[in-house]
C-alpha atoms as a PDB file:
ATOM      1  CA  GLN A   1       0.005   0.015  -0.083  1.00  0.00           C
ATOM      2  CA  LEU A   2       2.785   2.457   0.930  1.00  0.00           C
ATOM      3  CA  ILE A   3       4.424   1.868  -2.379  1.00  0.00           C
ATOM      4  CA  SER A   4       1.282   2.238  -4.555  1.00  0.00           C
ATOM      5  CA  GLU A   5       0.290   5.126  -2.344  1.00  0.00           C
ATOM      6  CA  PHE A   6       3.290   7.477  -3.123  1.00  0.00           C
ATOM      7  CA  SER A   7       3.940   5.599  -6.506  1.00  0.00           C
ATOM      8  CA  PHE A   8       6.684   7.906  -8.375  1.00  0.00           C
ATOM      9  CA  GLU A   9       5.723  11.179  -6.795  1.00  0.00           C
ATOM     10  CA  LYS A  10       8.322  13.323  -5.038  1.00  0.00           C
ATOM     11  CA  LEU A  11       8.007  13.336  -1.438  1.00  0.00           C
ATOM     12  CA  ASP A  12       8.238  16.230   1.189  1.00  0.00           C
ATOM     13  CA  VAL A  13       9.609  15.927   4.580  1.00  0.00           C
ATOM     14  CA  GLN A  14       6.315  14.647   6.175  1.00  0.00           C
ATOM     15  CA  ASP A  15       6.225  12.018   3.447  1.00  0.00           C
ATOM     16  CA  LEU A  16       9.656  10.716   4.294  1.00  0.00           C
ATOM     17  CA  MET A  17       8.725  10.710   7.946  1.00  0.00           C
ATOM     18  CA  HIS A  18       5.789   8.667   7.137  1.00  0.00           C
ATOM     19  CA  VAL A  19       7.906   6.069   5.207  1.00  0.00           C
ATOM     20  CA  GLY A  20      10.072   5.964   8.173  1.00  0.00           C
ATOM     21  CA  GLN A  21       7.438   5.469  10.559  1.00  0.00           C
ATOM     22  CA  VAL A  22       5.737   2.620   8.305  1.00  0.00           C
ATOM     23  CA  ILE A  23       8.788   0.695   7.297  1.00  0.00           C
ATOM     24  CA  PHE A  24      11.195   1.119  10.379  1.00  0.00           C
ATOM     25  CA  GLY A  25       8.871   2.458  13.373  1.00  0.00           C
ATOM     26  CA  LYS A  26      10.647   5.856  13.578  1.00  0.00           C
ATOM     27  CA  GLU A  27       9.862   8.922  11.946  1.00  0.00           C
ATOM     28  CA  ASN A  28      13.608   9.882  11.439  1.00  0.00           C
ATOM     29  CA  ALA A  29      14.658   6.357  10.198  1.00  0.00           C
ATOM     30  CA  ILE A  30      15.000   7.209   6.646  1.00  0.00           C
ATOM     31  CA  SER A  31      18.289   8.658   5.852  1.00  0.00           C
ATOM     32  CA  PHE A  32      20.001   8.826   2.557  1.00  0.00           C
ATOM     33  CA  PHE A  33      23.383  10.373   1.423  1.00  0.00           C
ATOM     34  CA  GLY A  34      23.951  11.255   5.260  1.00  0.00           C
ATOM     35  CA  PHE A  35      20.843  13.350   5.298  1.00  0.00           C
ATOM     36  CA  GLY A  36      17.565  12.707   7.559  1.00  0.00           C
ATOM     37  CA  PRO A  37      14.259  13.833   6.079  1.00  0.00           C
ATOM     38  CA  LYS A  38      14.725  17.564   7.044  1.00  0.00           C
ATOM     39  CA  GLN A  39      17.997  17.929   5.930  1.00  0.00           C
ATOM     40  CA  PHE A  40      17.368  15.947   2.685  1.00  0.00           C
ATOM     41  CA  ILE A  41      14.559  18.249   1.504  1.00  0.00           C
ATOM     42  CA  SER A  42      16.710  21.320   2.499  1.00  0.00           C
ATOM     43  CA  GLN A  43      19.838  20.378   0.409  1.00  0.00           C
ATOM     44  CA  GLY A  44      17.214  20.321  -2.561  1.00  0.00           C
ATOM     45  CA  LEU A  45      17.539  16.569  -2.941  1.00  0.00           C
ATOM     46  CA  LYS A  46      14.432  14.664  -4.455  1.00  0.00           C
ATOM     47  CA  LEU A  47      13.000  11.052  -3.701  1.00  0.00           C
ATOM     48  CA  ASN A  48      10.157   9.135  -5.320  1.00  0.00           C
ATOM     49  CA  GLY A  49       7.912   7.161  -3.088  1.00  0.00           C
ATOM     50  CA  ARG A  50       9.030   3.858  -4.545  1.00  0.00           C
ATOM     51  CA  ALA A  51      12.754   4.647  -3.895  1.00  0.00           C
ATOM     52  CA  ALA A  52      12.115   5.853  -0.499  1.00  0.00           C
ATOM     53  CA  ALA A  53      10.477   2.600   0.528  1.00  0.00           C
ATOM     54  CA  GLU A  54      12.610   0.309  -1.335  1.00  0.00           C
ATOM     55  CA  SER A  55      16.298   1.471  -1.123  1.00  0.00           C
ATOM     56  CA  THR A  56      18.917   0.790   1.266  1.00  0.00           C
ATOM     57  CA  VAL A  57      19.064   3.558   3.967  1.00  0.00           C
ATOM     58  CA  ASP A  58      22.281   5.055   5.376  1.00  0.00           C
ATOM     59  CA  VAL A  59      22.685   2.638   8.542  1.00  0.00           C
ATOM     60  CA  HIS A  60      21.965  -0.490   6.400  1.00  0.00           C
ATOM     61  CA  ALA A  61      24.163   0.436   3.609  1.00  0.00           C
ATOM     62  CA  LYS A  62      27.168   1.233   6.017  1.00  0.00           C
ATOM     63  CA  LYS A  63      26.800  -2.261   7.474  1.00  0.00           C
ATOM     64  CA  ILE A  64      26.669  -3.898   3.932  1.00  0.00           C
ATOM     65  CA  ILE A  65      29.646  -1.971   2.966  1.00  0.00           C
ATOM     66  CA  ALA A  66      31.850  -3.249   5.931  1.00  0.00           C
ATOM     67  CA  LEU A  67      30.818  -6.834   4.776  1.00  0.00           C
ATOM     68  CA  ILE A  68      31.720  -6.181   1.130  1.00  0.00           C
ATOM     69  CA  GLU A  69      35.189  -4.653   2.205  1.00  0.00           C
ATOM     70  CA  LYS A  70      35.769  -7.746   4.706  1.00  0.00           C
ATOM     71  CA  ASP A  71      35.293 -10.182   1.609  1.00  0.00           C
ATOM     72  CA  LEU A  72      37.159  -8.264  -0.513  1.00  0.00           C
ATOM     73  CA  THR A  73      39.948  -8.072   1.791  1.00  0.00           C
ATOM     74  CA  ASP A  74      39.879 -11.763   2.557  1.00  0.00           C
ATOM     75  CA  LEU A  75      39.854 -12.744  -1.089  1.00  0.00           C
ATOM     76  CA  GLY A  76      42.862 -10.168  -2.052  1.00  0.00           C
ATOM     77  CA  ILE A  77      40.712  -8.275  -4.284  1.00  0.00           C
ATOM     78  CA  LYS A  78      41.918  -4.649  -5.055  1.00  0.00           C
ATOM     79  CA  GLU A  79      40.367  -3.603  -8.347  1.00  0.00           C
ATOM     80  CA  TYR A  80      36.989  -4.490  -9.191  1.00  0.00           C
ATOM     81  CA  CYS A  81      33.961  -3.155 -11.080  1.00  0.00           C
ATOM     82  CA  PHE A  82      30.884  -2.479  -8.619  1.00  0.00           C
ATOM     83  CA  ILE A  83      27.501  -2.676 -10.138  1.00  0.00           C
ATOM     84  CA  ASP A  84      24.484  -1.455  -8.103  1.00  0.00           C
ATOM     85  CA  ALA A  85      21.676  -3.361 -10.208  1.00  0.00           C
ATOM     86  CA  PHE A  86      18.717  -1.675  -8.880  1.00  0.00           C
ATOM     87  CA  ALA A  87      19.841   1.707  -7.730  1.00  0.00           C
ATOM     88  CA  GLY A  88      16.708   3.342  -6.549  1.00  0.00           C
ATOM     89  CA  ALA A  89      17.753   6.218  -4.402  1.00  0.00           C
ATOM     90  CA  GLY A  90      21.265   5.422  -5.238  1.00  0.00           C
ATOM     91  CA  ASN A  91      22.356   5.351  -1.610  1.00  0.00           C
ATOM     92  CA  MET A  92      24.652   2.345  -2.060  1.00  0.00           C
ATOM     93  CA  THR A  93      26.092   3.789  -5.014  1.00  0.00           C
ATOM     94  CA  TYR A  94      26.854   7.035  -3.232  1.00  0.00           C
ATOM     95  CA  HIS A  95      28.368   5.154  -0.035  1.00  0.00           C
ATOM     96  CA  ILE A  96      30.460   2.699  -2.099  1.00  0.00           C
ATOM     97  CA  ASN A  97      31.818   5.614  -4.119  1.00  0.00           C
ATOM     98  CA  GLU A  98      32.538   7.726  -0.999  1.00  0.00           C
ATOM     99  CA  SER A  99      34.208   4.678   0.911  1.00  0.00           C
ATOM    100  CA  LEU A 100      35.452   1.840  -1.135  1.00  0.00           C
ATOM    101  CA  LYS A 101      36.198   3.825  -4.333  1.00  0.00           C
ATOM    102  CA  PRO A 102      36.289   0.748  -6.854  1.00  0.00           C
ATOM    103  CA  ALA A 103      37.608   1.011 -10.229  1.00  0.00           C
ATOM    104  CA  LYS A 104      34.454   1.588 -11.739  1.00  0.00           C
ATOM    105  CA  ILE A 105      30.631   1.872 -10.373  1.00  0.00           C
ATOM    106  CA  ILE A 106      27.709   1.164 -12.520  1.00  0.00           C
ATOM    107  CA  SER A 107      24.326   2.776 -11.157  1.00  0.00           C
ATOM    108  CA  SER A 108      21.244   1.441 -12.898  1.00  0.00           C
ATOM    109  CA  ASP A 109      17.653   1.598 -12.671  1.00  0.00           C
ATOM    110  CA  LYS A 110      15.423   0.909 -15.561  1.00  0.00           C
ATOM    111  CA  ASN A 111      12.429   2.943 -14.293  1.00  0.00           C
ATOM    112  CA  PRO A 112      12.755   6.401 -15.927  1.00  0.00           C
ATOM    113  CA  ASN A 113      11.335   8.468 -13.157  1.00  0.00           C
ATOM    114  CA  ILE A 114      13.558   6.961 -10.344  1.00  0.00           C
ATOM    115  CA  TYR A 115      16.545   6.974 -12.911  1.00  0.00           C
ATOM    116  CA  ALA A 116      15.963  10.711 -13.682  1.00  0.00           C
ATOM    117  CA  THR A 117      15.700  11.427  -9.917  1.00  0.00           C
ATOM    118  CA  LEU A 118      18.923   9.603  -9.148  1.00  0.00           C
ATOM    119  CA  LYS A 119      20.895  11.300 -11.615  1.00  0.00           C
ATOM    120  CA  GLU A 120      19.626  14.916 -10.646  1.00  0.00           C
ATOM    121  CA  ASN A 121      20.503  14.029  -6.939  1.00  0.00           C
ATOM    122  CA  PHE A 122      24.048  13.176  -7.672  1.00  0.00           C
ATOM    123  CA  THR A 123      24.221  16.413  -9.770  1.00  0.00           C
ATOM    124  CA  THR A 124      23.123  18.276  -6.659  1.00  0.00           C
ATOM    125  CA  LEU A 125      25.420  16.425  -4.215  1.00  0.00           C
ATOM    126  CA  GLY A 126      28.436  16.987  -6.702  1.00  0.00           C
ATOM    127  CA  VAL A 127      29.725  13.471  -6.302  1.00  0.00           C
ATOM    128  CA  LYS A 128      33.138  12.967  -7.812  1.00  0.00           C
ATOM    129  CA  PRO A 129      34.037  10.767  -9.534  1.00  0.00           C
ATOM    130  CA  SER A 130      30.824  10.461 -11.039  1.00  0.00           C
ATOM    131  CA  PRO A 131      29.475   6.775 -11.390  1.00  0.00           C
ATOM    132  CA  PHE A 132      28.326   5.236 -14.985  1.00  0.00           C
ATOM    133  CA  PHE A 133      24.726   5.859 -14.883  1.00  0.00           C
ATOM    134  CA  PHE A 134      22.600   3.426 -16.979  1.00  0.00           C
ATOM    135  CA  GLY A 135      18.700   3.846 -17.484  1.00  0.00           C
ATOM    136  CA  GLY A 136      18.050   0.641 -19.481  1.00  0.00           C
ATOM    137  CA  ASP A 137      17.629  -3.005 -18.319  1.00  0.00           C
ATOM    138  CA  LEU A 138      20.758  -4.055 -16.900  1.00  0.00           C
ATOM    139  CA  MET A 139      20.510  -7.766 -16.958  1.00  0.00           C
ATOM    140  CA  THR A 140      19.652  -7.857 -20.885  1.00  0.00           C
ATOM    141  CA  ASN A 141      22.328  -5.419 -22.318  1.00  0.00           C
ATOM    142  CA  GLU A 142      24.839  -6.595 -24.225  1.00  0.00           C
ATOM    143  CA  ARG A 143      26.806  -3.278 -24.382  1.00  0.00           C
ATOM    144  CA  LEU A 144      27.126  -3.010 -20.788  1.00  0.00           C
ATOM    145  CA  ALA A 145      28.214  -6.719 -20.573  1.00  0.00           C
ATOM    146  CA  ALA A 146      31.268  -5.646 -22.720  1.00  0.00           C
ATOM    147  CA  ILE A 147      31.956  -2.862 -20.206  1.00  0.00           C
ATOM    148  CA  VAL A 148      31.809  -5.193 -17.341  1.00  0.00           C
ATOM    149  CA  GLY A 149      33.975  -7.489 -19.097  1.00  0.00           C
ATOM    150  CA  ASP A 150      36.991  -5.518 -18.761  1.00  0.00           C
ATOM    151  CA  TYR A 151      37.161  -6.322 -15.275  1.00  0.00           C
ATOM    152  CA  GLN A 152      38.106  -9.733 -13.508  1.00  0.00           C
ATOM    153  CA  ASN A 153      36.107  -9.160 -10.373  1.00  0.00           C
ATOM    154  CA  VAL A 154      32.978  -7.637 -10.363  1.00  0.00           C
ATOM    155  CA  VAL A 155      30.768  -6.975  -7.258  1.00  0.00           C
ATOM    156  CA  ILE A 156      26.818  -6.952  -7.952  1.00  0.00           C
ATOM    157  CA  PHE A 157      24.402  -5.344  -5.334  1.00  0.00           C
ATOM    158  CA  ILE A 158      20.761  -6.624  -5.693  1.00  0.00           C
ATOM    159  CA  ASP A 159      18.188  -4.592  -4.210  1.00  0.00           C
ATOM    160  CA  ALA A 160      15.376  -5.987  -6.025  1.00  0.00           C
ATOM    161  CA  PRO A 161      12.093  -4.146  -6.138  1.00  0.00           C
ATOM    162  CA  TRP A 162       9.758  -5.626  -3.373  1.00  0.00           C
ATOM    163  CA  GLY A 163       6.685  -6.576  -5.399  1.00  0.00           C
ATOM    164  CA  GLU A 164       4.712  -8.659  -3.062  1.00  0.00           C
ATOM    165  CA  GLY A 165       7.749  -9.802  -1.168  1.00  0.00           C
ATOM    166  CA  PHE A 166       7.522  -7.391   1.921  1.00  0.00           C
ATOM    167  CA  ASP A 167       5.577  -8.340   5.033  1.00  0.00           C
ATOM    168  CA  PRO A 168       5.806  -6.017   8.091  1.00  0.00           C
ATOM    169  CA  LYS A 169       5.869  -8.773  10.310  1.00  0.00           C
ATOM    170  CA  LYS A 170       8.058 -11.293   8.512  1.00  0.00           C
ATOM    171  CA  GLY A 171      10.230  -8.991   6.601  1.00  0.00           C
ATOM    172  CA  LEU A 172      11.223  -9.258   2.944  1.00  0.00           C
ATOM    173  CA  ASP A 173      10.792 -12.438   0.980  1.00  0.00           C
ATOM    174  CA  LEU A 174      13.602 -12.469  -1.813  1.00  0.00           C
ATOM    175  CA  LYS A 175      11.630 -15.288  -3.677  1.00  0.00           C
ATOM    176  CA  LYS A 176       8.567 -12.653  -4.034  1.00  0.00           C
ATOM    177  CA  THR A 177      10.437  -9.715  -5.177  1.00  0.00           C
ATOM    178  CA  ARG A 178       9.800  -8.518  -8.662  1.00  0.00           C
ATOM    179  CA  PRO A 179      11.743  -9.955 -10.262  1.00  0.00           C
ATOM    180  CA  GLY A 180      12.919 -12.703  -7.664  1.00  0.00           C
ATOM    181  CA  VAL A 181      16.557 -12.654  -6.676  1.00  0.00           C
ATOM    182  CA  ASP A 182      16.782 -16.135  -8.104  1.00  0.00           C
ATOM    183  CA  SER A 183      16.068 -15.192 -11.427  1.00  0.00           C
ATOM    184  CA  ILE A 184      17.969 -11.993 -11.409  1.00  0.00           C
ATOM    185  CA  ILE A 185      21.265 -14.224 -10.552  1.00  0.00           C
ATOM    186  CA  SER A 186      20.565 -16.414 -13.058  1.00  0.00           C
ATOM    187  CA  ASN A 187      20.146 -13.594 -15.685  1.00  0.00           C
ATOM    188  CA  PHE A 188      23.516 -11.895 -14.771  1.00  0.00           C
ATOM    189  CA  LYS A 189      25.220 -15.185 -15.095  1.00  0.00           C
ATOM    190  CA  TYR A 190      23.936 -15.822 -18.562  1.00  0.00           C
ATOM    191  CA  VAL A 191      24.396 -12.301 -19.941  1.00  0.00           C
ATOM    192  CA  TYR A 192      27.453 -11.189 -18.319  1.00  0.00           C
ATOM    193  CA  ARG A 193      29.052 -14.652 -18.655  1.00  0.00           C
ATOM    194  CA  ILE A 194      30.323 -14.795 -14.899  1.00  0.00           C
ATOM    195  CA  THR A 195      30.414 -17.197 -12.066  1.00  0.00           C
ATOM    196  CA  ILE A 196      28.632 -15.853  -9.177  1.00  0.00           C
ATOM    197  CA  SER A 197      29.805 -16.603  -5.545  1.00  0.00           C
ATOM    198  CA  LEU A 198      26.960 -15.590  -2.869  1.00  0.00           C
END
């Protein structure tokens, strides 16, 4: 209901607080790019309803990045391409760019409304170096596969659209996202000709 209610409309401070309350039980829980709801809007940043609900907030992004960094260190990987496959708000792209600084970052969302807002926010933030933004279907694009093919190591972050997969009491069922995470992984393996380790 939250996703359909806000759809792709731009949210104001009260909307962001409402999303935080519904998803996390706290009005100020929504935080992207290091900004809570009030600071986010005051910075001139914008967010669509679906991206606000489904994207990785700051506190989770930092925990995930710590795990990625540990895995890369354990594997001895220093140069790699990072793909934010369903970028949404672009928060993972932002924090990866700020902290781990991979050789290349590809930030993608095929929804034109979310993609346009993603690029606009990164311009507003003045992020340098700028990631490679892609607004098409990442999982079926041979041109992008050729770019990724230049790298021996690729890190793919999958934050799939929730679809019917989210339950406030049970959490997120990865088999019920749209598309399902299992099919996403299969598509990446086929199009990009890569071996995926989970």
